[in-house]
């Protein structure tokens, strides 16, 4: 797992731990795994959107270029080889 994914995983884990600490009510149906997975996915999607949005901020924005380049930018952002 690359460093950015590890960082996002730690953030999601902390989020789930914080929710667990707040779950003092016995009637609360708490699921650490569900909270972790939901937050982890949310953080990854958020990063992907930010990568793609940054393409639109470049001078000379071309929608076709951005669509074809966005996937490559996301791979690079997360450190995956093409």
N, C-alpha and C. Protein backbone atom coordinates (compact mmCIF):
# COMPACT_ATOMS: atom_id res chain seq x y z
N UNK A 1 0.86 -1.17 0.00
CA UNK A 1 0.00 0.00 0.00
C UNK A 1 0.91 1.24 0.00
N UNK A 2 0.61 2.22 -0.84
CA UNK A 2 1.48 3.39 -0.89
C UNK A 2 1.19 4.33 0.27
N UNK A 3 2.03 5.31 0.46
CA UNK A 3 1.97 6.19 1.62
C UNK A 3 0.66 6.99 1.72
N UNK A 4 0.18 7.50 0.59
CA UNK A 4 -1.06 8.31 0.65
C UNK A 4 -2.24 7.44 1.06
N UNK A 5 -2.32 6.23 0.54
CA UNK A 5 -3.40 5.31 0.91
C UNK A 5 -3.28 4.98 2.40
N UNK A 6 -2.07 4.78 2.89
CA UNK A 6 -1.87 4.51 4.32
C UNK A 6 -2.36 5.68 5.17
N UNK A 7 -2.07 6.91 4.73
CA UNK A 7 -2.51 8.09 5.46
C UNK A 7 -4.04 8.17 5.50
N UNK A 8 -4.67 7.90 4.37
CA UNK A 8 -6.14 7.94 4.33
C UNK A 8 -6.72 6.84 5.21
N UNK A 9 -6.08 5.68 5.23
CA UNK A 9 -6.54 4.59 6.07
C UNK A 9 -6.45 4.97 7.55
N UNK A 10 -5.37 5.63 7.93
CA UNK A 10 -5.21 6.08 9.32
C UNK A 10 -6.28 7.10 9.69
N UNK A 11 -6.59 8.00 8.76
CA UNK A 11 -7.64 8.99 9.02
C UNK A 11 -8.99 8.30 9.21
N UNK A 12 -9.28 7.33 8.37
CA UNK A 12 -10.54 6.60 8.47
C UNK A 12 -10.60 5.80 9.77
N UNK A 13 -9.48 5.20 10.14
CA UNK A 13 -9.43 4.44 11.39
C UNK A 13 -9.68 5.36 12.58
N UNK A 14 -9.05 6.53 12.58
CA UNK A 14 -9.25 7.47 13.68
C UNK A 14 -10.70 7.92 13.75
N UNK A 15 -11.30 8.16 12.60
CA UNK A 15 -12.72 8.54 12.54
C UNK A 15 -13.58 7.45 13.19
N UNK A 16 -13.34 6.20 12.83
CA UNK A 16 -14.12 5.09 13.37
C UNK A 16 -13.87 4.92 14.87
N UNK A 17 -12.63 5.11 15.30
CA UNK A 17 -12.31 5.04 16.73
C UNK A 17 -13.01 6.14 17.51
N UNK A 18 -13.03 7.33 16.94
CA UNK A 18 -13.72 8.45 17.59
C UNK A 18 -15.21 8.15 17.73
N UNK A 19 -15.80 7.58 16.70
CA UNK A 19 -17.22 7.21 16.77
C UNK A 19 -17.43 6.13 17.82
N UNK A 20 -16.51 5.20 17.93
CA UNK A 20 -16.62 4.13 18.93
C UNK A 20 -16.58 4.72 20.33
N UNK A 21 -15.71 5.71 20.53
CA UNK A 21 -15.60 6.34 21.85
C UNK A 21 -16.86 7.12 22.21
N UNK A 22 -17.55 7.63 21.19
CA UNK A 22 -18.79 8.36 21.42
C UNK A 22 -19.97 7.41 21.66
N UNK A 23 -19.81 6.15 21.30
CA UNK A 23 -20.91 5.19 21.35
C UNK A 23 -21.02 4.57 22.74
N UNK A 24 -21.45 5.37 23.68
CA UNK A 24 -21.61 4.88 25.05
C UNK A 24 -22.99 4.30 25.29
N UNK A 25 -23.92 4.57 24.42
CA UNK A 25 -25.29 4.10 24.56
C UNK A 25 -25.36 2.65 24.09
N UNK A 26 -25.81 1.76 24.95
CA UNK A 26 -25.87 0.34 24.60
C UNK A 26 -26.86 0.06 23.46
N UNK A 27 -27.81 0.95 23.25
CA UNK A 27 -28.79 0.76 22.17
C UNK A 27 -28.21 1.12 20.81
N UNK A 28 -27.06 1.77 20.80
CA UNK A 28 -26.44 2.18 19.55
C UNK A 28 -25.86 0.96 18.85
N UNK A 29 -26.27 0.73 17.63
CA UNK A 29 -25.77 -0.40 16.85
C UNK A 29 -24.49 0.04 16.14
N UNK A 30 -23.38 -0.10 16.83
CA UNK A 30 -22.11 0.40 16.32
C UNK A 30 -21.37 -0.66 15.52
N UNK A 31 -20.81 -0.23 14.41
CA UNK A 31 -19.99 -1.12 13.60
C UNK A 31 -18.73 -0.38 13.18
N UNK A 32 -17.61 -0.71 13.83
CA UNK A 32 -16.34 -0.09 13.50
C UNK A 32 -16.01 -0.29 12.02
N UNK A 33 -16.17 -1.53 11.54
CA UNK A 33 -15.82 -1.84 10.16
C UNK A 33 -16.64 -1.02 9.18
N UNK A 34 -17.93 -0.90 9.42
CA UNK A 34 -18.77 -0.11 8.52
C UNK A 34 -18.35 1.35 8.50
N UNK A 35 -18.12 1.92 9.69
CA UNK A 35 -17.70 3.33 9.77
C UNK A 35 -16.35 3.54 9.11
N UNK A 36 -15.40 2.61 9.35
CA UNK A 36 -14.09 2.72 8.74
C UNK A 36 -14.18 2.66 7.22
N UNK A 37 -14.88 1.65 6.71
CA UNK A 37 -14.97 1.47 5.26
C UNK A 37 -15.66 2.65 4.59
N UNK A 38 -16.72 3.13 5.20
CA UNK A 38 -17.45 4.27 4.62
C UNK A 38 -16.56 5.51 4.56
N UNK A 39 -15.87 5.80 5.66
CA UNK A 39 -15.01 6.98 5.71
C UNK A 39 -13.81 6.83 4.77
N UNK A 40 -13.23 5.65 4.72
CA UNK A 40 -12.08 5.40 3.84
C UNK A 40 -12.47 5.63 2.38
N UNK A 41 -13.60 5.09 1.97
CA UNK A 41 -14.09 5.28 0.60
C UNK A 41 -14.35 6.76 0.34
N UNK A 42 -14.96 7.43 1.29
CA UNK A 42 -15.26 8.86 1.15
C UNK A 42 -13.97 9.66 0.95
N UNK A 43 -12.95 9.36 1.72
CA UNK A 43 -11.68 10.08 1.61
C UNK A 43 -11.01 9.84 0.26
N UNK A 44 -11.07 8.61 -0.23
CA UNK A 44 -10.47 8.30 -1.53
C UNK A 44 -11.20 9.03 -2.64
N UNK A 45 -12.52 8.99 -2.62
CA UNK A 45 -13.31 9.68 -3.65
C UNK A 45 -13.04 11.18 -3.60
N UNK A 46 -12.97 11.74 -2.39
CA UNK A 46 -12.70 13.16 -2.23
C UNK A 46 -11.36 13.53 -2.86
N UNK A 47 -10.35 12.72 -2.64
CA UNK A 47 -9.03 12.98 -3.24
C UNK A 47 -9.08 12.90 -4.76
N UNK A 48 -9.81 11.92 -5.27
CA UNK A 48 -9.93 11.77 -6.73
C UNK A 48 -10.60 12.99 -7.34
N UNK A 49 -11.65 13.46 -6.70
CA UNK A 49 -12.35 14.66 -7.19
C UNK A 49 -11.40 15.85 -7.18
N UNK A 50 -10.64 16.00 -6.10
CA UNK A 50 -9.70 17.12 -6.02
C UNK A 50 -8.64 17.06 -7.12
N UNK A 51 -8.16 15.87 -7.44
CA UNK A 51 -7.18 15.71 -8.51
C UNK A 51 -7.79 16.16 -9.84
N UNK A 52 -9.00 15.73 -10.11
CA UNK A 52 -9.66 16.09 -11.37
C UNK A 52 -10.01 17.57 -11.42
N UNK A 53 -10.46 18.11 -10.29
CA UNK A 53 -10.78 19.53 -10.24
C UNK A 53 -9.54 20.39 -10.51
N UNK A 54 -8.40 19.94 -10.03
CA UNK A 54 -7.16 20.70 -10.25
C UNK A 54 -6.84 20.80 -11.73
N UNK A 55 -7.24 19.82 -12.51
CA UNK A 55 -7.00 19.88 -13.95
C UNK A 55 -7.77 21.04 -14.58
N UNK A 56 -8.95 21.32 -14.06
CA UNK A 56 -9.77 22.40 -14.59
C UNK A 56 -9.19 23.76 -14.26
N UNK A 57 -8.37 23.83 -13.23
CA UNK A 57 -7.79 25.11 -12.81
C UNK A 57 -6.59 25.50 -13.67
N UNK A 58 -6.04 24.56 -14.41
CA UNK A 58 -4.90 24.87 -15.27
C UNK A 58 -5.34 25.80 -16.40
N UNK A 59 -4.43 26.68 -16.80
CA UNK A 59 -4.70 27.54 -17.95
C UNK A 59 -4.88 26.68 -19.19
N UNK A 60 -5.75 27.10 -20.07
CA UNK A 60 -5.99 26.37 -21.31
C UNK A 60 -6.76 25.09 -21.08
N UNK A 61 -7.69 25.10 -20.15
CA UNK A 61 -8.49 23.92 -19.83
C UNK A 61 -9.18 23.39 -21.07
N UNK A 62 -9.04 22.11 -21.32
CA UNK A 62 -9.68 21.41 -22.43
C UNK A 62 -10.41 20.21 -21.84
N UNK A 63 -11.74 20.19 -21.93
CA UNK A 63 -12.54 19.15 -21.29
C UNK A 63 -12.15 17.76 -21.78
N UNK A 64 -11.89 17.60 -23.07
CA UNK A 64 -11.50 16.28 -23.59
C UNK A 64 -10.17 15.83 -23.01
N UNK A 65 -9.24 16.76 -22.93
CA UNK A 65 -7.94 16.44 -22.35
C UNK A 65 -8.11 16.05 -20.88
N UNK A 66 -8.92 16.80 -20.15
CA UNK A 66 -9.13 16.54 -18.73
C UNK A 66 -9.74 15.16 -18.52
N UNK A 67 -10.69 14.79 -19.33
CA UNK A 67 -11.32 13.46 -19.19
C UNK A 67 -10.31 12.35 -19.43
N UNK A 68 -9.49 12.50 -20.43
CA UNK A 68 -8.54 11.44 -20.74
C UNK A 68 -7.36 11.45 -19.78
N UNK A 69 -7.08 12.58 -19.17
CA UNK A 69 -5.93 12.71 -18.29
C UNK A 69 -6.27 12.46 -16.83
N UNK A 70 -7.51 12.63 -16.46
CA UNK A 70 -7.91 12.53 -15.06
C UNK A 70 -7.51 11.18 -14.46
N UNK A 71 -7.77 10.10 -15.14
CA UNK A 71 -7.42 8.78 -14.63
C UNK A 71 -5.91 8.66 -14.42
N UNK A 72 -5.14 9.17 -15.36
CA UNK A 72 -3.68 9.14 -15.22
C UNK A 72 -3.22 9.97 -14.02
N UNK A 73 -3.84 11.12 -13.82
CA UNK A 73 -3.49 11.97 -12.69
C UNK A 73 -3.81 11.29 -11.37
N UNK A 74 -4.95 10.61 -11.30
CA UNK A 74 -5.33 9.90 -10.08
C UNK A 74 -4.33 8.78 -9.80
N UNK A 75 -3.97 8.02 -10.82
CA UNK A 75 -2.96 6.97 -10.63
C UNK A 75 -1.66 7.55 -10.08
N UNK A 76 -1.22 8.64 -10.68
CA UNK A 76 0.02 9.28 -10.25
C UNK A 76 -0.11 9.80 -8.82
N UNK A 77 -1.24 10.42 -8.51
CA UNK A 77 -1.46 10.97 -7.18
C UNK A 77 -1.33 9.92 -6.09
N UNK A 78 -1.86 8.72 -6.37
CA UNK A 78 -1.81 7.63 -5.40
C UNK A 78 -0.59 6.74 -5.57
N UNK A 79 0.27 7.06 -6.53
CA UNK A 79 1.53 6.34 -6.69
C UNK A 79 1.42 5.00 -7.39
N UNK A 80 0.42 4.84 -8.25
CA UNK A 80 0.27 3.61 -9.01
C UNK A 80 0.89 3.78 -10.38
N UNK A 81 1.55 2.73 -10.84
CA UNK A 81 2.13 2.76 -12.19
C UNK A 81 1.03 2.55 -13.21
N UNK A 82 1.23 3.11 -14.38
CA UNK A 82 0.25 2.97 -15.46
C UNK A 82 0.49 1.70 -16.21
